[in-house]
Amino acid sequence: MTKPRNVLLTLTDQQRYDTLGCTGCGIAQTPRIDELAGRGLNFSRHFVTSPVCSPSRASIFTGLQLSRHGLWRNGCTLPHHIPTFADRAARHGVQAAAFGKHHLAPIIRRATRPHHHGFDPWLIGEGDQQLIDDDYFRWLRSEHPDAFVSYLTELFTQGHDKGYASQLPEKLHLSNWCTRHAIHWLEHQRDPDRPFILYAGFFDPHHAFNPVEPYASRFNDTELPEPLFDPDAIDRRPPHYRRYGHLQKITRDPSRLDPIRRAYHAMIAHVDRCIGDLLDALNRLGLADDTTVVFSSDHGEFLGQHGLLYKGPFMLDDLLHVPLIIAPAAGETGSGQICDGLTSAVDLVATVMELLGLPDERPADTRPLISQDHQALPESERPFILAEWEDSKQAETSSIRCLRTRDHKLVHYGQTDTGELYDYANDPHECINRFGDPTHRDIQRELFHSLANAYLTHRPDTAYLGGW
């Protein structure tokens, strides 16, 4: 067996697939992430299991579909008996350290420190204003009280529906804090005789849309492409889409939407700089030759597409399609290959286990995407990917199930006769809902059959605790 290698896993929050230079974004300023793609594997059809944070992250960390791991919505907690990749790695002597956003338990209304899920050390920086047991906000409040008060005041007065430059100094930003602690662990706390998996969880580019300088002003003069909007599309979609029609006051007004979009790209540019600092640290410490770097995100963001903003109970690719880049250790090469097979976020666990030399530690739903020598595995391509949403408070979106193939997507709403069906050959941007269309009767029946056989009918009974 090939020598186990270290893994650096970097995860952003709410980042669309098409926001990097290496994924085709003409305005992106992401040279360090693009560098990873240039020497690694760029998975161009990679999808998450949920359009919101906690359920998706639980799948990324456990390798299980939502209906197996039970964290069915924001506001729930991942059951402690379900192992994460960190739990599995630690059982075999691999160090697992984590810094930044986890969100495997509710953030708002959190009263106690959540479970560590196998990480040691484990410093939390959730990004949302979790003031009780968040290591980042505790540090900012203790060490820089004036900046803490100013930053919170800014967050609460500016809100989440505008793009603006934060006055917080870059060195005090959460992304810098996360990066600084990760590098400190590499330099001073890591056991040099044991392999490691280091997780860096960045909150950006999640709203609030508030980049710091020098990134905030980089896109001030950038010409932005027009967001996709079909005014007739909403009438062809299920009724709950119309509940979000108020967002068009923002998304159809360039004076309001464009500052948000510029801020969003500025936040990604900041994350790119931080990832560059991590890569430089690996080089400086002589670890680059033994460390595979993985970059991805937990879900996407509408960013004005389809007249929508943020995320929510929608199974469109804007929210489910995210970047995934796996870069081999320095000196090796994945040849800058674009892998266009369908892959799921549940597969990151098996991939990490493969890289760490623990191939027997795979949950049922996951499969490795690459071999230890960084070759894409043909069997990693899936015939379809699955995504889910549950919300007991809203009857019309209480249970949403999605099945996406290369050519079609079926979305079904519980026991109702409501759904969505998209035909990518004729509608690559998901504007025409063909659910119930007689011309698509056969493919709809075929996808329903696959959907019925793919999902568990019962998930673990995990309590909703409130908040998100």
Protein backbone atom coordinates (compact mmCIF):
# COMPACT_ATOMS: atom_id res chain seq x y z
CA MET A 1 0.00 0.00 0.00
CA THR A 2 1.21 3.49 -0.79
CA LYS A 3 2.39 5.53 2.17
CA PRO A 4 -0.52 7.40 3.81
CA ARG A 5 -0.38 11.10 3.12
CA ASN A 6 -1.61 14.14 5.00
CA VAL A 7 -4.79 15.91 3.95
CA LEU A 8 -5.64 19.61 4.13
CA LEU A 9 -9.41 20.00 3.68
CA THR A 10 -10.62 23.55 3.06
CA LEU A 11 -14.34 24.22 2.94
CA THR A 12 -16.09 27.50 2.16
CA ASP A 13 -19.70 28.36 2.94
CA GLN A 14 -22.33 29.13 0.32
CA GLN A 15 -20.04 29.27 -2.72
CA ARG A 16 -21.42 28.73 -6.20
CA TYR A 17 -19.56 26.48 -8.62
CA ASP A 18 -19.02 29.25 -11.20
CA THR A 19 -17.07 31.65 -8.97
CA LEU A 20 -13.46 30.59 -9.59
CA GLY A 21 -11.17 31.26 -12.50
CA CYS A 22 -10.73 27.52 -12.94
CA THR A 23 -14.51 26.99 -13.16
CA GLY A 24 -14.98 29.61 -15.86
CA CYS A 25 -15.61 32.83 -13.93
CA GLY A 26 -14.12 35.68 -15.94
CA ILE A 27 -14.07 38.15 -13.05
CA ALA A 28 -12.74 35.86 -10.30
CA GLN A 29 -9.51 36.70 -8.49
CA THR A 30 -8.60 33.24 -7.26
CA PRO A 31 -5.00 32.53 -8.35
CA ARG A 32 -4.11 30.13 -5.52
CA ILE A 33 -7.19 27.96 -5.89
CA ASP A 34 -6.74 28.01 -9.65
CA GLU A 35 -3.16 26.89 -9.06
CA LEU A 36 -4.49 23.86 -7.18
CA ALA A 37 -6.80 23.03 -10.07
CA GLY A 38 -3.95 23.45 -12.54
CA ARG A 39 -1.94 20.66 -10.93
CA GLY A 40 -4.81 18.58 -9.61
CA LEU A 41 -8.26 17.26 -10.43
CA ASN A 42 -11.16 19.64 -11.00
CA PHE A 43 -14.55 17.93 -10.57
CA SER A 44 -16.95 19.85 -12.77
CA ARG A 45 -20.18 18.02 -11.82
CA HIS A 46 -19.93 17.86 -8.05
CA PHE A 47 -23.12 18.20 -5.98
CA VAL A 48 -24.04 18.48 -2.31
CA THR A 49 -26.87 16.65 -0.55
CA SER A 50 -28.75 19.69 0.76
CA PRO A 51 -29.15 23.36 -0.23
CA VAL A 52 -28.41 24.57 3.33
CA CYS A 53 -25.49 24.34 5.75
CA SER A 54 -25.97 21.78 8.51
CA PRO A 55 -27.50 18.87 6.56
CA SER A 56 -24.95 19.29 3.78
CA ARG A 57 -22.02 19.51 6.20
CA ALA A 58 -23.20 16.42 8.03
CA SER A 59 -23.05 14.51 4.73
CA ILE A 60 -19.59 15.89 3.96
CA PHE A 61 -18.30 14.94 7.42
CA THR A 62 -19.97 11.50 7.69
CA GLY A 63 -20.23 10.22 4.13
CA LEU A 64 -23.94 9.55 4.61
CA GLN A 65 -27.07 10.81 2.91
CA LEU A 66 -29.35 13.05 4.98
CA SER A 67 -31.88 10.27 5.55
CA ARG A 68 -29.12 8.18 7.15
CA HIS A 69 -27.26 10.68 9.31
CA GLY A 70 -30.45 12.36 10.55
CA LEU A 71 -29.35 16.01 10.65
CA TRP A 72 -32.35 16.92 8.56
CA ARG A 73 -32.33 20.73 8.80
CA ASN A 74 -30.49 23.68 10.30
CA GLY A 75 -31.37 23.74 13.97
CA CYS A 76 -30.66 20.03 14.53
CA THR A 77 -27.57 18.28 15.90
CA LEU A 78 -25.62 15.48 14.28
CA PRO A 79 -26.12 12.42 16.54
CA HIS A 80 -22.88 11.81 18.45
CA HIS A 81 -22.78 8.09 17.72
CA ILE A 82 -22.47 8.68 13.97
CA PRO A 83 -18.73 8.86 13.16
CA THR A 84 -17.19 11.63 11.09
CA PHE A 85 -14.04 11.26 9.01
CA ALA A 86 -12.17 12.71 12.01
CA ASP A 87 -13.54 9.98 14.32
CA ARG A 88 -12.53 7.32 11.82
CA ALA A 89 -9.07 8.78 11.27
CA ALA A 90 -8.36 9.27 14.97
CA ARG A 91 -9.11 5.58 15.68
CA HIS A 92 -6.12 4.76 13.48
CA GLY A 93 -3.71 7.25 15.00
CA VAL A 94 -4.21 10.03 12.45
CA GLN A 95 -4.26 13.53 13.91
CA ALA A 96 -7.45 15.46 13.15
CA ALA A 97 -7.42 19.20 13.83
CA ALA A 98 -10.14 21.69 12.93
CA PHE A 99 -10.42 25.47 12.86
CA GLY A 100 -13.39 27.54 11.73
CA LYS A 101 -16.96 26.72 10.83
CA HIS A 102 -18.47 23.33 11.72
CA HIS A 103 -22.24 23.88 12.04
CA LEU A 104 -23.03 20.30 13.01
CA ALA A 105 -25.19 21.69 15.81
CA PRO A 106 -27.44 24.77 16.02
CA ILE A 107 -25.62 28.09 16.14
CA ILE A 108 -28.35 30.39 17.39
CA ARG A 109 -29.68 29.34 20.83
CA ARG A 110 -26.62 27.19 21.46
CA ALA A 111 -26.19 27.02 25.22
CA THR A 112 -23.22 24.68 25.57
CA ARG A 113 -20.14 23.80 23.59
CA PRO A 114 -21.09 21.28 20.89
CA HIS A 115 -19.57 17.85 20.43
CA HIS A 116 -16.05 17.75 18.95
CA HIS A 117 -16.82 14.87 16.51
CA GLY A 118 -13.29 13.50 16.68
CA PHE A 119 -11.27 16.71 16.25
CA ASP A 120 -8.50 17.65 18.70
CA PRO A 121 -7.78 20.53 18.78
CA TRP A 122 -11.05 22.04 17.74
CA LEU A 123 -11.60 25.80 17.60
CA ILE A 124 -14.98 27.09 16.47
CA GLY A 125 -15.60 30.15 14.32
CA GLU A 126 -19.13 29.79 13.01
CA GLY A 127 -19.43 33.26 11.47
CA ASP A 128 -23.01 33.92 12.52
CA GLN A 129 -23.21 35.96 15.69
CA GLN A 130 -22.81 33.03 18.11
CA LEU A 131 -21.60 34.90 21.17
CA ILE A 132 -21.92 32.19 23.81
CA ASP A 133 -19.46 29.51 22.83
CA ASP A 134 -17.68 30.61 19.67
CA ASP A 135 -13.89 30.72 19.97
CA TYR A 136 -13.50 33.45 17.36
CA PHE A 137 -16.02 35.86 18.87
CA ARG A 138 -14.67 35.12 22.37
CA TRP A 139 -11.15 36.04 21.15
CA LEU A 140 -12.33 39.17 19.35
CA ARG A 141 -14.36 40.32 22.36
CA SER A 142 -11.49 39.66 24.79
CA GLU A 143 -8.48 40.86 22.79
CA HIS A 144 -10.05 43.60 20.65
CA PRO A 145 -13.20 44.80 22.45
CA ASP A 146 -13.57 48.02 20.46
CA ALA A 147 -13.38 46.16 17.15
CA PHE A 148 -15.81 43.56 18.52
CA VAL A 149 -18.45 46.16 19.39
CA SER A 150 -17.92 48.02 16.12
CA TYR A 151 -18.18 44.84 14.07
CA LEU A 152 -21.37 43.63 15.75
CA THR A 153 -22.92 47.08 15.42
CA GLU A 154 -22.05 47.03 11.74
CA LEU A 155 -23.59 43.59 11.25
CA PHE A 156 -26.86 44.48 12.93
CA THR A 157 -27.27 47.91 11.36
CA GLN A 158 -26.19 47.05 7.80
CA GLY A 159 -28.08 43.74 7.67
CA HIS A 160 -27.77 40.98 5.09
CA ASP A 161 -29.49 42.49 2.07
CA LYS A 162 -26.76 44.83 0.88
CA GLY A 163 -23.12 44.66 -0.14
CA TYR A 164 -20.72 46.89 1.77
CA ALA A 165 -17.10 47.15 2.90
CA SER A 166 -16.62 46.16 6.53
CA GLN A 167 -14.44 48.40 8.66
CA LEU A 168 -12.99 45.39 10.49
CA PRO A 169 -9.20 45.22 9.95
CA GLU A 170 -8.17 42.27 7.78
CA LYS A 171 -5.94 40.83 10.52
CA LEU A 172 -8.99 40.52 12.82
CA HIS A 173 -11.25 38.87 10.25
CA LEU A 174 -12.56 35.35 10.85
CA SER A 175 -10.87 33.99 7.71
CA ASN A 176 -7.50 35.28 8.96
CA TRP A 177 -8.16 33.94 12.46
CA CYS A 178 -8.95 30.50 11.05
CA THR A 179 -5.84 30.52 8.85
CA ARG A 180 -3.58 31.76 11.62
CA HIS A 181 -4.65 29.00 14.02
CA ALA A 182 -4.29 26.32 11.36
CA ILE A 183 -0.74 27.46 10.59
CA HIS A 184 0.12 27.67 14.29
CA TRP A 185 -1.03 24.07 14.72
CA LEU A 186 1.15 22.96 11.83
CA GLU A 187 4.14 24.81 13.25
CA HIS A 188 3.87 24.09 16.97
CA GLN A 189 1.23 21.49 17.90
CA ARG A 190 1.35 18.79 15.23
CA ASP A 191 3.06 15.50 16.02
CA PRO A 192 5.63 15.21 13.20
CA ASP A 193 5.65 11.42 13.45
CA ARG A 194 1.96 10.95 12.66
CA PRO A 195 -0.10 11.72 9.53
CA PHE A 196 -2.79 14.35 9.85
CA ILE A 197 -6.00 15.70 8.43
CA LEU A 198 -6.32 19.45 8.94
CA TYR A 199 -9.71 21.04 8.38
CA ALA A 200 -10.03 24.79 7.73
CA GLY A 201 -13.67 25.91 7.57
CA PHE A 202 -14.20 29.39 6.11
CA PHE A 203 -17.48 31.19 6.69
CA ASP A 204 -17.16 33.35 3.57
CA PRO A 205 -18.70 34.02 1.08
CA HIS A 206 -21.86 33.45 3.17
CA HIS A 207 -23.90 36.59 3.83
CA ALA A 208 -23.62 39.19 5.35
CA PHE A 209 -21.96 40.46 2.16
CA ASN A 210 -19.27 42.43 3.98
CA PRO A 211 -15.72 41.95 2.71
CA VAL A 212 -12.81 43.74 4.35
CA GLU A 213 -10.15 45.78 2.60
CA PRO A 214 -8.01 45.43 0.56
CA TYR A 215 -10.46 43.01 -1.11
CA ALA A 216 -13.68 45.01 -0.82
CA SER A 217 -12.69 47.65 -3.37
CA ARG A 218 -11.12 45.27 -5.92
CA PHE A 219 -14.34 44.77 -7.85
CA ASN A 220 -15.69 48.33 -7.71
CA ASP A 221 -15.20 48.88 -11.42
CA THR A 222 -15.82 45.31 -12.55
CA GLU A 223 -18.46 44.88 -15.25
CA LEU A 224 -20.87 42.19 -14.12
CA PRO A 225 -22.78 39.83 -16.41
CA GLU A 226 -26.56 40.05 -16.29
CA PRO A 227 -28.06 37.44 -13.95
CA LEU A 228 -30.35 34.85 -15.50
CA PHE A 229 -34.02 35.77 -15.10
CA ASP A 230 -37.10 34.43 -16.89
CA PRO A 231 -40.18 36.31 -15.66
CA ASP A 232 -42.47 33.46 -16.74
CA ALA A 233 -40.46 30.69 -15.06
CA ILE A 234 -41.89 31.23 -11.58
CA ASP A 235 -45.40 30.42 -12.81
CA ARG A 236 -44.16 27.04 -13.99
CA ARG A 237 -42.63 26.17 -10.62
CA PRO A 238 -44.22 24.88 -7.38
CA PRO A 239 -46.15 27.45 -5.30
CA HIS A 240 -43.52 27.99 -2.60
CA TYR A 241 -41.27 29.81 -5.11
CA ARG A 242 -43.74 32.66 -5.06
CA ARG A 243 -43.21 33.14 -1.32
CA TYR A 244 -39.79 34.50 -2.21
CA GLY A 245 -40.98 36.96 -4.84
CA HIS A 246 -40.15 39.85 -2.51
CA LEU A 247 -36.46 39.21 -3.18
CA GLN A 248 -36.92 40.64 -6.66
CA LYS A 249 -36.93 44.09 -5.05
CA ILE A 250 -33.22 43.41 -4.62
CA THR A 251 -32.37 41.04 -7.44
CA ARG A 252 -34.05 43.07 -10.20
CA ASP A 253 -32.49 46.34 -9.04
CA PRO A 254 -28.84 46.56 -10.21
CA SER A 255 -28.15 49.37 -7.72
CA ARG A 256 -28.85 46.88 -4.93
CA LEU A 257 -27.78 43.57 -6.44
CA ASP A 258 -24.48 44.61 -8.04
CA PRO A 259 -22.86 45.71 -4.73
CA ILE A 260 -23.84 42.32 -3.28
CA ARG A 261 -22.29 40.46 -6.20
CA ARG A 262 -19.10 42.51 -6.02
CA ALA A 263 -18.86 41.94 -2.29
CA TYR A 264 -19.41 38.20 -2.78
CA HIS A 265 -16.49 37.94 -5.21
CA ALA A 266 -14.33 40.06 -2.89
CA MET A 267 -14.98 37.62 -0.04
CA ILE A 268 -13.91 34.73 -2.26
CA ALA A 269 -10.73 36.62 -3.19
CA HIS A 270 -9.99 36.97 0.54
CA VAL A 271 -10.47 33.23 1.10
CA ASP A 272 -8.15 32.57 -1.85
CA ARG A 273 -5.45 34.64 -0.13
CA CYS A 274 -5.90 32.65 3.09
CA ILE A 275 -5.66 29.34 1.26
CA GLY A 276 -2.49 30.66 -0.34
CA ASP A 277 -1.10 31.34 3.14
CA LEU A 278 -1.86 27.74 4.12
CA LEU A 279 -0.14 26.43 0.99
CA ASP A 280 2.88 28.62 1.69
CA ALA A 281 3.04 27.25 5.24
CA LEU A 282 3.02 23.68 3.95
CA ASN A 283 5.92 24.56 1.66
CA ARG A 284 7.87 26.37 4.37
CA LEU A 285 7.48 23.47 6.81
CA GLY A 286 8.47 20.83 4.28
CA LEU A 287 4.98 19.28 4.30
CA ALA A 288 3.89 20.08 0.75
CA ASP A 289 5.42 16.89 -0.65
CA ASP A 290 3.26 14.74 1.64
CA THR A 291 -0.03 16.66 1.73
CA THR A 292 -3.04 16.43 -0.56
CA VAL A 293 -5.18 19.59 -0.64
CA VAL A 294 -8.97 19.38 -1.04
CA PHE A 295 -11.12 22.45 -1.71
CA SER A 296 -14.92 22.52 -1.80
CA SER A 297 -18.03 24.24 -0.40
CA ASP A 298 -21.12 23.16 1.52
CA HIS A 299 -23.72 24.60 -0.93
CA GLY A 300 -24.25 27.42 -3.39
CA GLU A 301 -25.96 30.82 -3.51
CA PHE A 302 -28.51 32.21 -5.97
CA LEU A 303 -26.79 35.61 -6.20
CA GLY A 304 -29.65 37.03 -8.27
CA GLN A 305 -30.13 34.05 -10.58
CA HIS A 306 -33.83 33.29 -11.18
CA GLY A 307 -34.67 36.45 -9.24
CA LEU A 308 -33.56 34.82 -5.98
CA LEU A 309 -30.94 35.46 -3.31
CA TYR A 310 -29.36 33.38 -0.53
CA LYS A 311 -30.52 29.71 -0.34
CA GLY A 312 -33.59 27.82 0.85
CA PRO A 313 -36.01 25.03 -0.07
CA PHE A 314 -34.93 24.85 -3.70
CA MET A 315 -33.15 22.08 -5.57
CA LEU A 316 -31.78 24.14 -8.45
CA ASP A 317 -28.14 23.71 -9.45
CA ASP A 318 -27.36 27.23 -8.20
CA LEU A 319 -27.50 25.74 -4.70
CA LEU A 320 -26.46 22.12 -5.24
CA HIS A 321 -23.55 22.47 -7.68
CA VAL A 322 -20.29 23.41 -5.92
CA PRO A 323 -16.58 23.35 -6.75
CA LEU A 324 -14.40 20.41 -5.81
CA ILE A 325 -10.66 20.44 -6.42
CA ILE A 326 -8.25 17.76 -5.24
CA ALA A 327 -4.59 18.70 -5.66
CA PRO A 328 -1.82 16.13 -5.14
CA ALA A 329 1.25 16.72 -3.05
CA ALA A 330 3.77 19.14 -4.51
CA GLY A 331 5.98 17.51 -7.09
CA GLU A 332 3.21 15.15 -8.16
CA THR A 333 0.57 15.99 -10.70
CA GLY A 334 -3.04 15.29 -11.45
CA SER A 335 -2.32 17.00 -14.78
CA GLY A 336 -4.95 19.68 -14.33
CA GLN A 337 -7.58 17.17 -15.36
CA ILE A 338 -11.26 18.13 -15.49
CA CYS A 339 -13.37 15.24 -14.24
CA ASP A 340 -16.90 15.63 -15.56
CA GLY A 341 -18.57 12.59 -14.02
CA LEU A 342 -21.39 13.10 -11.51
CA THR A 343 -19.98 13.06 -7.96
CA SER A 344 -21.57 13.61 -4.56
CA ALA A 345 -20.31 15.36 -1.44
CA VAL A 346 -20.79 12.11 0.50
CA ASP A 347 -17.78 10.81 -1.44
CA LEU A 348 -15.32 13.10 0.33
CA VAL A 349 -15.16 10.78 3.35
CA ALA A 350 -14.14 7.74 1.30
CA THR A 351 -11.68 9.91 -0.62
CA VAL A 352 -10.06 11.17 2.58
CA MET A 353 -9.90 7.63 3.96
CA GLU A 354 -8.25 6.43 0.76
CA LEU A 355 -5.62 9.18 0.94
CA LEU A 356 -4.94 8.40 4.59
CA GLY A 357 -4.51 4.73 3.78
CA LEU A 358 -7.70 3.64 5.58
CA PRO A 359 -9.77 2.17 2.71
CA ASP A 360 -11.78 -0.11 5.01
CA GLU A 361 -13.22 2.86 6.90
CA ARG A 362 -15.96 3.68 4.40
CA PRO A 363 -19.60 4.33 5.29
CA ALA A 364 -22.27 2.73 3.13
CA ASP A 365 -23.12 5.77 0.98
CA THR A 366 -19.60 6.88 0.03
CA ARG A 367 -17.01 5.86 -2.55
CA PRO A 368 -13.49 7.23 -3.21
CA LEU A 369 -13.12 9.68 -6.07
CA ILE A 370 -9.39 9.13 -6.54
CA SER A 371 -6.74 6.54 -5.76
CA GLN A 372 -3.80 7.13 -3.44
CA ASP A 373 -1.67 8.00 -6.47
CA HIS A 374 -4.20 10.68 -7.46
CA GLN A 375 -5.78 8.97 -10.42
CA ALA A 376 -9.48 9.60 -10.95
CA LEU A 377 -11.38 6.35 -10.41
CA PRO A 378 -13.86 5.47 -13.17
CA GLU A 379 -16.20 3.88 -10.63
CA SER A 380 -16.46 7.22 -8.80
CA GLU A 381 -18.97 8.48 -11.39
CA ARG A 382 -22.52 8.06 -10.18
CA PRO A 383 -25.57 7.39 -12.38
CA PHE A 384 -27.36 10.06 -10.34
CA ILE A 385 -26.92 12.23 -7.28
CA LEU A 386 -29.41 12.75 -4.46
CA ALA A 387 -30.37 15.82 -2.44
CA GLU A 388 -32.99 16.34 0.27
CA TRP A 389 -34.86 18.99 2.24
CA GLU A 390 -37.19 18.66 5.21
CA ASP A 391 -39.08 21.35 7.10
CA SER A 392 -41.84 20.36 9.47
CA LYS A 393 -43.03 23.99 9.76
CA GLN A 394 -44.04 24.38 6.10
CA ALA A 395 -46.48 21.83 4.69
CA GLU A 396 -45.71 22.51 1.03
CA THR A 397 -41.97 21.98 1.56
CA SER A 398 -42.12 19.50 4.42
CA SER A 399 -40.32 16.84 2.39
CA ILE A 400 -38.45 17.48 -0.85
CA ARG A 401 -36.49 14.78 -2.67
CA CYS A 402 -34.23 15.40 -5.65
CA LEU A 403 -32.60 13.04 -8.12
CA ARG A 404 -30.27 14.47 -10.76
CA THR A 405 -28.72 12.60 -13.68
CA ARG A 406 -26.47 14.06 -16.35
CA ASP A 407 -29.47 14.84 -18.53
CA HIS A 408 -32.43 15.41 -16.20
CA LYS A 409 -33.48 16.40 -12.71
CA LEU A 410 -36.59 15.29 -10.85
CA VAL A 411 -37.74 17.08 -7.68
CA HIS A 412 -40.69 15.67 -5.76
CA TYR A 413 -42.62 17.24 -2.89
CA GLY A 414 -43.68 14.62 -0.33
CA GLN A 415 -47.02 12.94 -0.87
CA THR A 416 -48.25 15.70 -3.19
CA ASP A 417 -48.55 15.66 -6.96
CA THR A 418 -46.24 18.69 -7.14
CA GLY A 419 -42.79 18.50 -8.64
CA GLU A 420 -40.11 19.81 -10.96
CA LEU A 421 -38.54 18.17 -13.97
CA TYR A 422 -35.71 19.73 -15.95
CA ASP A 423 -34.29 18.63 -19.30
CA TYR A 424 -30.69 19.85 -19.57
CA ALA A 425 -30.29 19.17 -23.29
CA ASN A 426 -32.96 21.79 -24.04
CA ASP A 427 -32.88 23.84 -20.82
CA PRO A 428 -29.38 23.96 -19.26
CA HIS A 429 -30.32 26.74 -16.83
CA GLU A 430 -33.43 25.08 -15.35
CA CYS A 431 -35.98 27.64 -16.53
CA ILE A 432 -38.69 25.32 -17.91
CA ASN A 433 -40.39 23.00 -15.45
CA ARG A 434 -41.56 19.99 -17.47
CA PHE A 435 -43.15 18.12 -14.58
CA GLY A 436 -46.37 16.59 -15.89
CA ASP A 437 -45.51 17.45 -19.49
CA PRO A 438 -46.82 14.60 -21.72
CA THR A 439 -43.68 14.83 -23.87
CA HIS A 440 -41.60 13.87 -20.82
CA ARG A 441 -43.94 11.25 -19.34
CA ASP A 442 -41.55 8.32 -19.85
CA ILE A 443 -38.47 9.97 -18.38
CA GLN A 444 -40.52 11.26 -15.45
CA ARG A 445 -41.75 7.74 -14.73
CA GLU A 446 -38.21 6.36 -15.00
CA LEU A 447 -36.79 8.98 -12.63
CA PHE A 448 -39.62 8.40 -10.13
CA HIS A 449 -38.74 4.70 -10.10
CA SER A 450 -35.08 5.50 -9.39
CA LEU A 451 -36.07 8.01 -6.72
CA ALA A 452 -38.34 5.52 -4.94
CA ASN A 453 -35.56 2.93 -4.80
CA ALA A 454 -32.81 5.33 -3.75
CA TYR A 455 -34.14 6.83 -0.54
CA LEU A 456 -34.71 5.43 2.91
CA THR A 457 -38.29 5.95 3.96
CA HIS A 458 -37.34 6.74 7.58
CA ARG A 459 -34.52 8.85 8.94
CA PRO A 460 -33.17 8.92 12.52
CA ASP A 461 -35.52 10.81 14.83
CA THR A 462 -33.35 13.88 15.46
CA ALA A 463 -35.01 16.69 17.39
CA TYR A 464 -35.27 20.21 16.01
CA LEU A 465 -33.86 22.53 18.68
CA GLY A 466 -34.66 25.89 17.08
CA GLY A 467 -32.61 28.57 15.41
CA TRP A 468 -30.18 27.51 12.72
